[in-house]
Amino acid sequence: MNVSLTPELERRISEKVESGLYTTATEVVREALRLLFEADEAREQRLARLRADIQVGLDQLDQGEGLSGEQVRNEMTALLVTRAGRR
């Protein structure tokens, strides 16, 4: 595999090697890719949890467990008044 980098990326990789944290540019790139893949996995896990939470809410609505718009507005107003009083 052959990868082309911008001069800025090359400079930053060189800085990492020169700092002594890494011995080669390959180590820097491998670490960067490892972190990228970890971030991708974490994002996928958060998305899966969000989708599951949304499904729980949809299921609750299907079972008639939802709140009316007026109930939500009243609860939010009470919450805001309570929080404003704490300041």
Protein backbone atom coordinates (compact mmCIF):
# COMPACT_ATOMS: atom_id res chain seq x y z
CA MET A 1 0.00 0.00 0.00
CA ASN A 2 1.24 3.42 -0.88
CA VAL A 3 -0.17 6.45 0.93
CA SER A 4 0.29 10.10 0.00
CA LEU A 5 0.35 12.65 2.80
CA THR A 6 0.18 16.40 2.75
CA PRO A 7 3.33 18.23 3.76
CA GLU A 8 1.57 19.29 6.97
CA LEU A 9 0.82 15.67 7.93
CA GLU A 10 4.37 14.63 7.09
CA ARG A 11 5.70 17.45 9.29
CA ARG A 12 3.48 16.46 12.19
CA ILE A 13 4.46 12.81 11.93
CA SER A 14 8.13 13.80 11.85
CA GLU A 15 7.59 15.91 14.98
CA LYS A 16 6.19 12.89 16.79
CA VAL A 17 9.21 10.79 15.84
CA GLU A 18 11.61 13.59 16.78
CA SER A 19 9.89 13.93 20.17
CA GLY A 20 11.08 10.44 21.01
CA LEU A 21 7.60 9.10 21.65
CA TYR A 22 7.82 6.98 18.49
CA THR A 23 10.84 5.49 16.76
CA THR A 24 9.44 5.52 13.22
CA ALA A 25 6.78 7.22 11.13
CA THR A 26 5.13 3.81 10.75
CA GLU A 27 4.59 3.64 14.51
CA VAL A 28 2.92 7.06 14.44
CA VAL A 29 0.60 6.06 11.61
CA ARG A 30 -0.26 2.73 13.27
CA GLU A 31 -1.10 4.49 16.53
CA ALA A 32 -3.22 7.04 14.68
CA LEU A 33 -5.12 4.28 12.90
CA ARG A 34 -5.60 2.35 16.14
CA LEU A 35 -7.09 5.46 17.76
CA LEU A 36 -9.29 6.06 14.72
CA PHE A 37 -10.65 2.53 14.85
CA GLU A 38 -11.28 2.82 18.61
CA ALA A 39 -13.17 6.07 18.06
CA ASP A 40 -15.21 4.44 15.27
CA GLU A 41 -16.11 1.54 17.57
CA ALA A 42 -17.07 3.86 20.43
CA ARG A 43 -19.24 5.90 18.04
CA GLU A 44 -20.96 2.73 16.82
CA GLN A 45 -21.62 1.64 20.41
CA ARG A 46 -23.11 5.04 21.29
CA LEU A 47 -25.27 4.90 18.18
CA ALA A 48 -26.48 1.40 19.04
CA ARG A 49 -27.39 2.55 22.59
CA LEU A 50 -29.21 5.58 21.20
CA ARG A 51 -31.17 3.42 18.77
CA ALA A 52 -32.08 1.03 21.60
CA ASP A 53 -33.23 3.94 23.79
CA ILE A 54 -35.31 5.33 20.92
CA GLN A 55 -36.88 1.93 20.40
CA VAL A 56 -37.78 1.75 24.11
CA GLY A 57 -39.50 5.12 23.80
CA LEU A 58 -41.35 4.09 20.66
CA ASP A 59 -42.48 0.88 22.33
CA GLN A 60 -43.72 2.87 25.33
CA LEU A 61 -45.67 5.18 23.02
CA ASP A 62 -47.19 2.17 21.27
CA GLN A 63 -48.33 0.91 24.68
CA GLY A 64 -49.98 4.24 25.48
CA GLU A 65 -47.33 5.27 28.00
CA GLY A 66 -46.60 8.62 26.38
CA LEU A 67 -47.28 12.09 27.71
CA SER A 68 -49.38 14.75 26.05
CA GLY A 69 -47.74 17.92 24.82
CA GLU A 70 -49.37 19.84 27.67
CA GLN A 71 -47.98 17.42 30.26
CA VAL A 72 -44.49 17.73 28.83
CA ARG A 73 -44.74 21.53 28.77
CA ASN A 74 -45.91 21.62 32.40
CA GLU A 75 -43.12 19.29 33.55
CA MET A 76 -40.48 21.27 31.64
CA THR A 77 -41.77 24.56 33.04
CA ALA A 78 -41.65 23.17 36.59
CA LEU A 79 -38.14 21.86 36.00
CA LEU A 80 -36.94 25.21 34.66
CA VAL A 81 -38.50 27.09 37.57
CA THR A 82 -36.86 24.71 40.05
CA ARG A 83 -33.44 25.08 38.42
CA ALA A 84 -33.75 28.85 38.17
CA GLY A 85 -34.48 28.97 41.90
CA ARG A 86 -31.24 27.12 42.67
CA ARG A 87 -29.06 29.84 41.14
